[in-house]
Full PDB file with SEQRES, HELIX, SHEET, SSBOND, CRYST1, ORIGX, SCALE, CONECT and MASTER records, all heavy atoms in Angstrom:
SEQRES   1 A   35  ALA LEU SER TYR ALA LYS ARG LYS ALA PRO PHE ASP TYR          
SEQRES   2 A   35  ASP PHE ASN LEU ASN ASP THR THR SER LEU TYR CYS SER          
SEQRES   3 A   35  GLU LEU ILE LEU HIS ILE LEU GLU GLU                          
HELIX    1 AA1 LEU A    2  LYS A    6  1                                   5    
HELIX    2 AA2 CYS A   25  GLU A   34  1                                  10    
CRYST1    1.000    1.000    1.000  90.00  90.00  90.00 P 1           1          
ORIGX1      1.000000  0.000000  0.000000        0.00000                         
ORIGX2      0.000000  1.000000  0.000000        0.00000                         
ORIGX3      0.000000  0.000000  1.000000        0.00000                         
SCALE1      1.000000  0.000000  0.000000        0.00000                         
SCALE2      0.000000  1.000000  0.000000        0.00000                         
SCALE3      0.000000  0.000000  1.000000        0.00000                         
ATOM      1  N   ALA A   1       6.942  14.731 -39.121  1.00  0.00           N  
ATOM      2  CA  ALA A   1       5.936  15.899 -39.234  1.00  0.00           C  
ATOM      3  C   ALA A   1       4.705  15.357 -40.017  1.00  0.00           C  
ATOM      4  O   ALA A   1       3.579  15.571 -39.693  1.00  0.00           O  
ATOM      5  CB  ALA A   1       6.555  17.071 -39.862  1.00  0.00           C  
ATOM      6  N   LEU A   2       4.976  14.702 -41.209  1.00  0.00           N  
ATOM      7  CA  LEU A   2       3.822  14.205 -41.953  1.00  0.00           C  
ATOM      8  C   LEU A   2       3.008  13.167 -41.264  1.00  0.00           C  
ATOM      9  O   LEU A   2       1.784  13.132 -41.489  1.00  0.00           O  
ATOM     10  CB  LEU A   2       4.377  13.659 -43.302  1.00  0.00           C  
ATOM     11  CG  LEU A   2       4.951  14.637 -44.283  1.00  0.00           C  
ATOM     12  CD1 LEU A   2       5.730  13.851 -45.404  1.00  0.00           C  
ATOM     13  CD2 LEU A   2       3.699  15.410 -44.936  1.00  0.00           C  
ATOM     14  N   SER A   3       3.606  12.387 -40.394  1.00  0.00           N  
ATOM     15  CA  SER A   3       2.879  11.420 -39.620  1.00  0.00           C  
ATOM     16  C   SER A   3       1.921  12.026 -38.686  1.00  0.00           C  
ATOM     17  O   SER A   3       0.783  11.527 -38.488  1.00  0.00           O  
ATOM     18  CB  SER A   3       3.806  10.451 -38.920  1.00  0.00           C  
ATOM     19  OG  SER A   3       4.397  11.104 -37.778  1.00  0.00           O  
ATOM     20  N   TYR A   4       2.312  13.178 -38.143  1.00  0.00           N  
ATOM     21  CA  TYR A   4       1.456  13.948 -37.160  1.00  0.00           C  
ATOM     22  C   TYR A   4       0.216  14.442 -38.022  1.00  0.00           C  
ATOM     23  O   TYR A   4      -0.876  14.537 -37.489  1.00  0.00           O  
ATOM     24  CB  TYR A   4       2.114  15.069 -36.505  1.00  0.00           C  
ATOM     25  CG  TYR A   4       2.932  14.589 -35.234  1.00  0.00           C  
ATOM     26  CD1 TYR A   4       4.392  14.762 -35.283  1.00  0.00           C  
ATOM     27  CD2 TYR A   4       2.325  14.110 -34.154  1.00  0.00           C  
ATOM     28  CE1 TYR A   4       5.038  14.380 -34.120  1.00  0.00           C  
ATOM     29  CE2 TYR A   4       3.083  13.711 -33.042  1.00  0.00           C  
ATOM     30  CZ  TYR A   4       4.396  13.874 -32.978  1.00  0.00           C  
ATOM     31  OH  TYR A   4       5.145  13.474 -31.953  1.00  0.00           O  
ATOM     32  N   ALA A   5       0.468  14.994 -39.256  1.00  0.00           N  
ATOM     33  CA  ALA A   5      -0.601  15.547 -40.024  1.00  0.00           C  
ATOM     34  C   ALA A   5      -1.477  14.477 -40.461  1.00  0.00           C  
ATOM     35  O   ALA A   5      -2.703  14.678 -40.506  1.00  0.00           O  
ATOM     36  CB  ALA A   5       0.118  16.274 -41.211  1.00  0.00           C  
ATOM     37  N   LYS A   6      -1.011  13.299 -40.794  1.00  0.00           N  
ATOM     38  CA  LYS A   6      -1.846  12.202 -41.282  1.00  0.00           C  
ATOM     39  C   LYS A   6      -2.806  11.716 -40.222  1.00  0.00           C  
ATOM     40  O   LYS A   6      -3.936  11.336 -40.469  1.00  0.00           O  
ATOM     41  CB  LYS A   6      -0.981  11.086 -41.858  1.00  0.00           C  
ATOM     42  CG  LYS A   6      -0.272  11.408 -43.169  1.00  0.00           C  
ATOM     43  CD  LYS A   6       0.635  10.298 -43.640  1.00  0.00           C  
ATOM     44  CE  LYS A   6       1.244  10.693 -44.977  1.00  0.00           C  
ATOM     45  NZ  LYS A   6       2.278   9.660 -45.457  1.00  0.00           N  
ATOM     46  N   ARG A   7      -2.309  11.741 -38.913  1.00  0.00           N  
ATOM     47  CA  ARG A   7      -3.182  11.291 -37.846  1.00  0.00           C  
ATOM     48  C   ARG A   7      -4.007  12.471 -37.328  1.00  0.00           C  
ATOM     49  O   ARG A   7      -4.764  12.258 -36.376  1.00  0.00           O  
ATOM     50  CB  ARG A   7      -2.430  10.568 -36.788  1.00  0.00           C  
ATOM     51  CG  ARG A   7      -1.543  11.472 -35.826  1.00  0.00           C  
ATOM     52  CD  ARG A   7      -0.970  10.538 -34.832  1.00  0.00           C  
ATOM     53  NE  ARG A   7      -0.040  11.236 -33.888  1.00  0.00           N  
ATOM     54  CZ  ARG A   7      -0.309  11.914 -32.858  1.00  0.00           C  
ATOM     55  NH1 ARG A   7      -1.661  12.053 -32.514  1.00  0.00           N  
ATOM     56  NH2 ARG A   7       0.546  12.499 -32.095  1.00  0.00           N  
ATOM     57  N   LYS A   8      -3.829  13.664 -37.948  1.00  0.00           N  
ATOM     58  CA  LYS A   8      -4.586  14.860 -37.586  1.00  0.00           C  
ATOM     59  C   LYS A   8      -4.520  15.124 -36.081  1.00  0.00           C  
ATOM     60  O   LYS A   8      -5.508  15.256 -35.443  1.00  0.00           O  
ATOM     61  CB  LYS A   8      -6.050  14.658 -38.022  1.00  0.00           C  
ATOM     62  CG  LYS A   8      -6.216  14.463 -39.548  1.00  0.00           C  
ATOM     63  CD  LYS A   8      -7.714  14.328 -39.944  1.00  0.00           C  
ATOM     64  CE  LYS A   8      -7.830  14.166 -41.420  1.00  0.00           C  
ATOM     65  NZ  LYS A   8      -9.157  14.014 -41.862  1.00  0.00           N  
ATOM     66  N   ALA A   9      -3.359  15.272 -35.623  1.00  0.00           N  
ATOM     67  CA  ALA A   9      -3.116  15.645 -34.233  1.00  0.00           C  
ATOM     68  C   ALA A   9      -3.752  17.000 -33.921  1.00  0.00           C  
ATOM     69  O   ALA A   9      -3.544  17.919 -34.696  1.00  0.00           O  
ATOM     70  CB  ALA A   9      -1.626  15.685 -33.903  1.00  0.00           C  
ATOM     71  N   PRO A  10      -4.558  17.018 -32.891  1.00  0.00           N  
ATOM     72  CA  PRO A  10      -5.305  18.371 -32.624  1.00  0.00           C  
ATOM     73  C   PRO A  10      -4.330  19.408 -32.052  1.00  0.00           C  
ATOM     74  O   PRO A  10      -3.247  19.088 -31.633  1.00  0.00           O  
ATOM     75  CB  PRO A  10      -6.282  17.903 -31.526  1.00  0.00           C  
ATOM     76  CG  PRO A  10      -5.653  16.713 -30.835  1.00  0.00           C  
ATOM     77  CD  PRO A  10      -4.832  15.984 -31.941  1.00  0.00           C  
ATOM     78  N   PHE A  11      -4.828  20.640 -31.972  1.00  0.00           N  
ATOM     79  CA  PHE A  11      -4.055  21.703 -31.531  1.00  0.00           C  
ATOM     80  C   PHE A  11      -4.001  21.689 -29.970  1.00  0.00           C  
ATOM     81  O   PHE A  11      -5.039  21.336 -29.328  1.00  0.00           O  
ATOM     82  CB  PHE A  11      -4.566  23.115 -32.006  1.00  0.00           C  
ATOM     83  CG  PHE A  11      -3.678  24.219 -31.648  1.00  0.00           C  
ATOM     84  CD1 PHE A  11      -2.635  24.515 -32.502  1.00  0.00           C  
ATOM     85  CD2 PHE A  11      -3.850  24.990 -30.486  1.00  0.00           C  
ATOM     86  CE1 PHE A  11      -1.754  25.596 -32.188  1.00  0.00           C  
ATOM     87  CE2 PHE A  11      -3.056  26.067 -30.162  1.00  0.00           C  
ATOM     88  CZ  PHE A  11      -1.937  26.398 -31.008  1.00  0.00           C  
ATOM     89  N   ASP A  12      -2.882  22.056 -29.360  1.00  0.00           N  
ATOM     90  CA  ASP A  12      -2.678  21.985 -27.913  1.00  0.00           C  
ATOM     91  C   ASP A  12      -3.105  23.331 -27.409  1.00  0.00           C  
ATOM     92  O   ASP A  12      -2.282  24.261 -27.188  1.00  0.00           O  
ATOM     93  CB  ASP A  12      -1.250  21.649 -27.600  1.00  0.00           C  
ATOM     94  CG  ASP A  12      -1.023  21.571 -26.116  1.00  0.00           C  
ATOM     95  OD1 ASP A  12      -1.971  21.659 -25.334  1.00  0.00           O  
ATOM     96  OD2 ASP A  12       0.192  21.351 -25.691  1.00  0.00           O  
ATOM     97  N   TYR A  13      -4.313  23.490 -26.944  1.00  0.00           N  
ATOM     98  CA  TYR A  13      -4.763  24.767 -26.355  1.00  0.00           C  
ATOM     99  C   TYR A  13      -4.334  24.922 -24.884  1.00  0.00           C  
ATOM    100  O   TYR A  13      -4.437  25.996 -24.309  1.00  0.00           O  
ATOM    101  CB  TYR A  13      -6.309  24.824 -26.505  1.00  0.00           C  
ATOM    102  CG  TYR A  13      -6.817  25.081 -27.874  1.00  0.00           C  
ATOM    103  CD1 TYR A  13      -7.282  23.954 -28.612  1.00  0.00           C  
ATOM    104  CD2 TYR A  13      -6.845  26.310 -28.461  1.00  0.00           C  
ATOM    105  CE1 TYR A  13      -7.660  24.092 -29.895  1.00  0.00           C  
ATOM    106  CE2 TYR A  13      -7.254  26.461 -29.786  1.00  0.00           C  
ATOM    107  CZ  TYR A  13      -7.693  25.387 -30.445  1.00  0.00           C  
ATOM    108  OH  TYR A  13      -8.171  25.548 -31.812  1.00  0.00           O  
ATOM    109  N   ASP A  14      -3.845  23.844 -24.283  1.00  0.00           N  
ATOM    110  CA  ASP A  14      -3.307  23.985 -22.964  1.00  0.00           C  
ATOM    111  C   ASP A  14      -1.827  24.366 -23.011  1.00  0.00           C  
ATOM    112  O   ASP A  14      -1.239  24.588 -21.904  1.00  0.00           O  
ATOM    113  CB  ASP A  14      -3.454  22.565 -22.234  1.00  0.00           C  
ATOM    114  CG  ASP A  14      -4.960  22.201 -21.954  1.00  0.00           C  
ATOM    115  OD1 ASP A  14      -5.738  23.198 -21.755  1.00  0.00           O  
ATOM    116  OD2 ASP A  14      -5.243  21.072 -22.058  1.00  0.00           O  
ATOM    117  N   PHE A  15      -1.197  24.327 -24.166  1.00  0.00           N  
ATOM    118  CA  PHE A  15       0.256  24.676 -24.287  1.00  0.00           C  
ATOM    119  C   PHE A  15       1.030  23.887 -23.323  1.00  0.00           C  
ATOM    120  O   PHE A  15       1.874  24.436 -22.599  1.00  0.00           O  
ATOM    121  CB  PHE A  15       0.430  26.213 -24.129  1.00  0.00           C  
ATOM    122  CG  PHE A  15      -0.231  26.864 -25.225  1.00  0.00           C  
ATOM    123  CD1 PHE A  15      -1.473  27.482 -24.989  1.00  0.00           C  
ATOM    124  CD2 PHE A  15       0.327  27.148 -26.470  1.00  0.00           C  
ATOM    125  CE1 PHE A  15      -2.192  28.162 -26.016  1.00  0.00           C  
ATOM    126  CE2 PHE A  15      -0.333  27.841 -27.464  1.00  0.00           C  
ATOM    127  CZ  PHE A  15      -1.592  28.371 -27.282  1.00  0.00           C  
ATOM    128  N   ASN A  16       0.824  22.537 -23.339  1.00  0.00           N  
ATOM    129  CA  ASN A  16       1.444  21.602 -22.383  1.00  0.00           C  
ATOM    130  C   ASN A  16       2.628  20.961 -23.196  1.00  0.00           C  
ATOM    131  O   ASN A  16       2.372  20.029 -24.021  1.00  0.00           O  
ATOM    132  CB  ASN A  16       0.566  20.613 -21.838  1.00  0.00           C  
ATOM    133  CG  ASN A  16       1.182  19.688 -20.876  1.00  0.00           C  
ATOM    134  OD1 ASN A  16       2.449  19.763 -20.696  1.00  0.00           O  
ATOM    135  ND2 ASN A  16       0.479  18.781 -20.296  1.00  0.00           N  
ATOM    136  N   LEU A  17       3.879  21.369 -23.005  1.00  0.00           N  
ATOM    137  CA  LEU A  17       5.005  20.800 -23.732  1.00  0.00           C  
ATOM    138  C   LEU A  17       5.256  19.377 -23.462  1.00  0.00           C  
ATOM    139  O   LEU A  17       6.026  18.706 -24.206  1.00  0.00           O  
ATOM    140  CB  LEU A  17       6.222  21.727 -23.447  1.00  0.00           C  
ATOM    141  CG  LEU A  17       7.438  21.541 -24.338  1.00  0.00           C  
ATOM    142  CD1 LEU A  17       7.036  21.883 -25.810  1.00  0.00           C  
ATOM    143  CD2 LEU A  17       8.524  22.460 -23.918  1.00  0.00           C  
ATOM    144  N   ASN A  18       4.683  18.878 -22.402  1.00  0.00           N  
ATOM    145  CA  ASN A  18       4.993  17.458 -21.961  1.00  0.00           C  
ATOM    146  C   ASN A  18       3.950  16.484 -22.484  1.00  0.00           C  
ATOM    147  O   ASN A  18       4.067  15.314 -22.195  1.00  0.00           O  
ATOM    148  CB  ASN A  18       5.098  17.297 -20.411  1.00  0.00           C  
ATOM    149  CG  ASN A  18       6.158  18.283 -19.880  1.00  0.00           C  
ATOM    150  OD1 ASN A  18       7.293  18.217 -20.339  1.00  0.00           O  
ATOM    151  ND2 ASN A  18       5.880  19.074 -18.844  1.00  0.00           N  
ATOM    152  N   ASP A  19       3.111  16.936 -23.345  1.00  0.00           N  
ATOM    153  CA  ASP A  19       2.013  16.086 -23.893  1.00  0.00           C  
ATOM    154  C   ASP A  19       2.053  16.034 -25.327  1.00  0.00           C  
ATOM    155  O   ASP A  19       1.906  17.130 -25.959  1.00  0.00           O  
ATOM    156  CB  ASP A  19       0.678  16.528 -23.308  1.00  0.00           C  
ATOM    157  CG  ASP A  19      -0.527  15.693 -23.745  1.00  0.00           C  
ATOM    158  OD1 ASP A  19      -0.262  14.626 -24.346  1.00  0.00           O  
ATOM    159  OD2 ASP A  19      -1.633  16.098 -23.619  1.00  0.00           O  
ATOM    160  N   THR A  20       2.163  14.806 -25.968  1.00  0.00           N  
ATOM    161  CA  THR A  20       2.204  14.807 -27.392  1.00  0.00           C  
ATOM    162  C   THR A  20       0.853  14.405 -28.046  1.00  0.00           C  
ATOM    163  O   THR A  20       0.791  14.218 -29.275  1.00  0.00           O  
ATOM    164  CB  THR A  20       3.248  13.733 -27.850  1.00  0.00           C  
ATOM    165  OG1 THR A  20       2.922  12.474 -27.357  1.00  0.00           O  
ATOM    166  CG2 THR A  20       4.633  14.088 -27.457  1.00  0.00           C  
ATOM    167  N   THR A  21      -0.211  14.317 -27.290  1.00  0.00           N  
ATOM    168  CA  THR A  21      -1.465  13.981 -27.855  1.00  0.00           C  
ATOM    169  C   THR A  21      -2.102  15.188 -28.613  1.00  0.00           C  
ATOM    170  O   THR A  21      -2.923  14.953 -29.543  1.00  0.00           O  
ATOM    171  CB  THR A  21      -2.487  13.540 -26.813  1.00  0.00           C  
ATOM    172  OG1 THR A  21      -2.651  14.534 -25.782  1.00  0.00           O  
ATOM    173  CG2 THR A  21      -2.011  12.312 -26.037  1.00  0.00           C  
ATOM    174  N   SER A  22      -1.644  16.390 -28.260  1.00  0.00           N  
ATOM    175  CA  SER A  22      -2.020  17.606 -28.989  1.00  0.00           C  
ATOM    176  C   SER A  22      -0.793  18.515 -29.074  1.00  0.00           C  
ATOM    177  O   SER A  22       0.099  18.306 -28.162  1.00  0.00           O  
ATOM    178  CB  SER A  22      -3.205  18.239 -28.302  1.00  0.00           C  
ATOM    179  OG  SER A  22      -2.858  18.549 -27.024  1.00  0.00           O  
ATOM    180  N   LEU A  23      -0.725  19.324 -30.118  1.00  0.00           N  
ATOM    181  CA  LEU A  23       0.539  20.044 -30.334  1.00  0.00           C  
ATOM    182  C   LEU A  23       0.277  21.492 -30.808  1.00  0.00           C  
ATOM    183  O   LEU A  23      -0.653  21.696 -31.627  1.00  0.00           O  
ATOM    184  CB  LEU A  23       1.263  19.339 -31.434  1.00  0.00           C  
ATOM    185  CG  LEU A  23       1.762  17.912 -31.151  1.00  0.00           C  
ATOM    186  CD1 LEU A  23       2.120  17.230 -32.489  1.00  0.00           C  
ATOM    187  CD2 LEU A  23       2.931  17.815 -30.254  1.00  0.00           C  
ATOM    188  N   TYR A  24       1.040  22.420 -30.280  1.00  0.00           N  
ATOM    189  CA  TYR A  24       1.069  23.790 -30.883  1.00  0.00           C  
ATOM    190  C   TYR A  24       2.332  23.888 -31.736  1.00  0.00           C  
ATOM    191  O   TYR A  24       3.080  22.871 -31.926  1.00  0.00           O  
ATOM    192  CB  TYR A  24       1.014  24.902 -29.834  1.00  0.00           C  
ATOM    193  CG  TYR A  24       2.161  24.857 -28.813  1.00  0.00           C  
ATOM    194  CD1 TYR A  24       3.341  25.437 -29.026  1.00  0.00           C  
ATOM    195  CD2 TYR A  24       1.927  24.250 -27.547  1.00  0.00           C  
ATOM    196  CE1 TYR A  24       4.365  25.346 -28.036  1.00  0.00           C  
ATOM    197  CE2 TYR A  24       2.891  24.185 -26.521  1.00  0.00           C  
ATOM    198  CZ  TYR A  24       4.115  24.834 -26.870  1.00  0.00           C  
ATOM    199  OH  TYR A  24       5.112  24.774 -25.819  1.00  0.00           O  
ATOM    200  N   CYS A  25       2.469  24.892 -32.542  1.00  0.00           N  
ATOM    201  CA  CYS A  25       3.441  24.915 -33.644  1.00  0.00           C  
ATOM    202  C   CYS A  25       4.859  24.564 -33.234  1.00  0.00           C  
ATOM    203  O   CYS A  25       5.551  23.656 -33.830  1.00  0.00           O  
ATOM    204  CB  CYS A  25       3.394  26.273 -34.393  1.00  0.00           C  
ATOM    205  SG  CYS A  25       3.875  27.719 -33.424  1.00  0.00           S  
ATOM    206  N   SER A  26       5.455  25.273 -32.312  1.00  0.00           N  
ATOM    207  CA  SER A  26       6.855  24.968 -31.908  1.00  0.00           C  
ATOM    208  C   SER A  26       6.998  23.689 -31.134  1.00  0.00           C  
ATOM    209  O   SER A  26       7.953  22.991 -31.230  1.00  0.00           O  
ATOM    210  CB  SER A  26       7.508  26.151 -31.106  1.00  0.00           C  
ATOM    211  OG  SER A  26       6.644  26.396 -29.975  1.00  0.00           O  
ATOM    212  N   GLU A  27       5.919  23.275 -30.441  1.00  0.00           N  
ATOM    213  CA  GLU A  27       5.844  21.978 -29.747  1.00  0.00           C  
ATOM    214  C   GLU A  27       6.012  20.844 -30.757  1.00  0.00           C  
ATOM    215  O   GLU A  27       6.773  19.848 -30.432  1.00  0.00           O  
ATOM    216  CB  GLU A  27       4.587  21.859 -28.923  1.00  0.00           C  
ATOM    217  CG  GLU A  27       4.565  20.551 -28.122  1.00  0.00           C  
ATOM    218  CD  GLU A  27       3.179  20.475 -27.425  1.00  0.00           C  
ATOM    219  OE1 GLU A  27       2.245  21.222 -27.760  1.00  0.00           O  
ATOM    220  OE2 GLU A  27       3.101  19.558 -26.521  1.00  0.00           O  
ATOM    221  N   LEU A  28       5.339  20.982 -31.863  1.00  0.00           N  
ATOM    222  CA  LEU A  28       5.410  19.954 -32.934  1.00  0.00           C  
ATOM    223  C   LEU A  28       6.894  19.677 -33.275  1.00  0.00           C  
ATOM    224  O   LEU A  28       7.396  18.525 -33.281  1.00  0.00           O  
ATOM    225  CB  LEU A  28       4.724  20.382 -34.181  1.00  0.00           C  
ATOM    226  CG  LEU A  28       4.978  19.623 -35.510  1.00  0.00           C  
ATOM    227  CD1 LEU A  28       4.412  18.235 -35.341  1.00  0.00           C  
ATOM    228  CD2 LEU A  28       4.273  20.414 -36.629  1.00  0.00           C  
ATOM    229  N   ILE A  29       7.657  20.737 -33.576  1.00  0.00           N  
ATOM    230  CA  ILE A  29       9.075  20.604 -33.992  1.00  0.00           C  
ATOM    231  C   ILE A  29       9.912  20.103 -32.776  1.00  0.00           C  
ATOM    232  O   ILE A  29      10.768  19.215 -32.972  1.00  0.00           O  
ATOM    233  CB  ILE A  29       9.638  21.948 -34.423  1.00  0.00           C  
ATOM    234  CG1 ILE A  29       8.821  22.359 -35.699  1.00  0.00           C  
ATOM    235  CG2 ILE A  29      11.078  21.906 -34.733  1.00  0.00           C  
ATOM    236  CD1 ILE A  29       9.084  23.833 -36.137  1.00  0.00           C  
ATOM    237  N   LEU A  30       9.744  20.569 -31.648  1.00  0.00           N  
ATOM    238  CA  LEU A  30      10.581  20.178 -30.496  1.00  0.00           C  
ATOM    239  C   LEU A  30      10.374  18.634 -30.161  1.00  0.00           C  
ATOM    240  O   LEU A  30      11.350  18.057 -29.867  1.00  0.00           O  
ATOM    241  CB  LEU A  30      10.190  20.956 -29.234  1.00  0.00           C  
ATOM    242  CG  LEU A  30      10.626  22.496 -29.265  1.00  0.00           C  
ATOM    243  CD1 LEU A  30       9.986  23.239 -28.136  1.00  0.00           C  
ATOM    244  CD2 LEU A  30      12.081  22.573 -29.266  1.00  0.00           C  
ATOM    245  N   HIS A  31       9.141  18.196 -30.270  1.00  0.00           N  
ATOM    246  CA  HIS A  31       8.961  16.808 -30.049  1.00  0.00           C  
ATOM    247  C   HIS A  31       9.643  15.874 -31.117  1.00  0.00           C  
ATOM    248  O   HIS A  31      10.160  14.772 -30.836  1.00  0.00           O  
ATOM    249  CB  HIS A  31       7.489  16.360 -29.996  1.00  0.00           C  
ATOM    250  CG  HIS A  31       6.805  16.726 -28.713  1.00  0.00           C  
ATOM    251  ND1 HIS A  31       7.284  16.333 -27.506  1.00  0.00           N  
ATOM    252  CD2 HIS A  31       5.695  17.461 -28.356  1.00  0.00           C  
ATOM    253  CE1 HIS A  31       6.549  16.748 -26.488  1.00  0.00           C  
ATOM    254  NE2 HIS A  31       5.598  17.524 -27.021  1.00  0.00           N  
ATOM    255  N   ILE A  32       9.591  16.354 -32.383  1.00  0.00           N  
ATOM    256  CA  ILE A  32      10.283  15.661 -33.442  1.00  0.00           C  
ATOM    257  C   ILE A  32      11.810  15.537 -33.141  1.00  0.00           C  
ATOM    258  O   ILE A  32      12.407  14.585 -33.309  1.00  0.00           O  
ATOM    259  CB  ILE A  32       9.937  16.269 -34.796  1.00  0.00           C  
ATOM    260  CG1 ILE A  32       8.509  16.138 -35.123  1.00  0.00           C  
ATOM    261  CG2 ILE A  32      10.840  15.655 -35.846  1.00  0.00           C  
ATOM    262  CD1 ILE A  32       8.063  16.800 -36.345  1.00  0.00           C  
ATOM    263  N   LEU A  33      12.390  16.719 -32.810  1.00  0.00           N  
ATOM    264  CA  LEU A  33      13.790  16.848 -32.505  1.00  0.00           C  
ATOM    265  C   LEU A  33      14.252  15.923 -31.404  1.00  0.00           C  
ATOM    266  O   LEU A  33      15.352  15.338 -31.402  1.00  0.00           O  
ATOM    267  CB  LEU A  33      14.267  18.194 -32.288  1.00  0.00           C  
ATOM    268  CG  LEU A  33      14.016  19.251 -33.472  1.00  0.00           C  
ATOM    269  CD1 LEU A  33      14.640  20.573 -33.091  1.00  0.00           C  
ATOM    270  CD2 LEU A  33      14.673  18.755 -34.765  1.00  0.00           C  
ATOM    271  N   GLU A  34      13.376  15.826 -30.448  1.00  0.00           N  
ATOM    272  CA  GLU A  34      13.701  15.041 -29.245  1.00  0.00           C  
ATOM    273  C   GLU A  34      13.591  13.515 -29.650  1.00  0.00           C  
ATOM    274  O   GLU A  34      14.465  12.724 -29.188  1.00  0.00           O  
ATOM    275  CB  GLU A  34      12.712  15.315 -28.042  1.00  0.00           C  
ATOM    276  CG  GLU A  34      13.045  14.509 -26.852  1.00  0.00           C  
ATOM    277  CD  GLU A  34      12.293  14.990 -25.578  1.00  0.00           C  
ATOM    278  OE1 GLU A  34      11.285  15.761 -25.751  1.00  0.00           O  
ATOM    279  OE2 GLU A  34      12.689  14.644 -24.517  1.00  0.00           O  
ATOM    280  N   GLU A  35      12.613  13.137 -30.318  1.00  0.00           N  
ATOM    281  CA  GLU A  35      12.383  11.798 -30.713  1.00  0.00           C  
ATOM    282  C   GLU A  35      13.443  11.200 -31.655  1.00  0.00           C  
ATOM    283  O   GLU A  35      13.987  10.146 -31.510  1.00  0.00           O  
ATOM    284  CB  GLU A  35      10.944  11.540 -31.332  1.00  0.00           C  
ATOM    285  CG  GLU A  35      10.714  10.066 -31.776  1.00  0.00           C  
ATOM    286  CD  GLU A  35       9.325   9.876 -32.334  1.00  0.00           C  
ATOM    287  OE1 GLU A  35       8.427  10.666 -32.000  1.00  0.00           O  
ATOM    288  OE2 GLU A  35       9.164   8.914 -33.123  1.00  0.00           O  
TER     289      GLU A  35                                                      
MASTER        0    0    0    2    0    0    0    6  288    1    0    3          
END                                                                             
């Protein structure tokens, strides 16, 4: 989670769960749990 914050990942306004270049709140957690 801290690594995403350090690279300043932008907010995912498309709400695309399959894309990690931008993230909304629950998507952030889901990608971490998957990885």
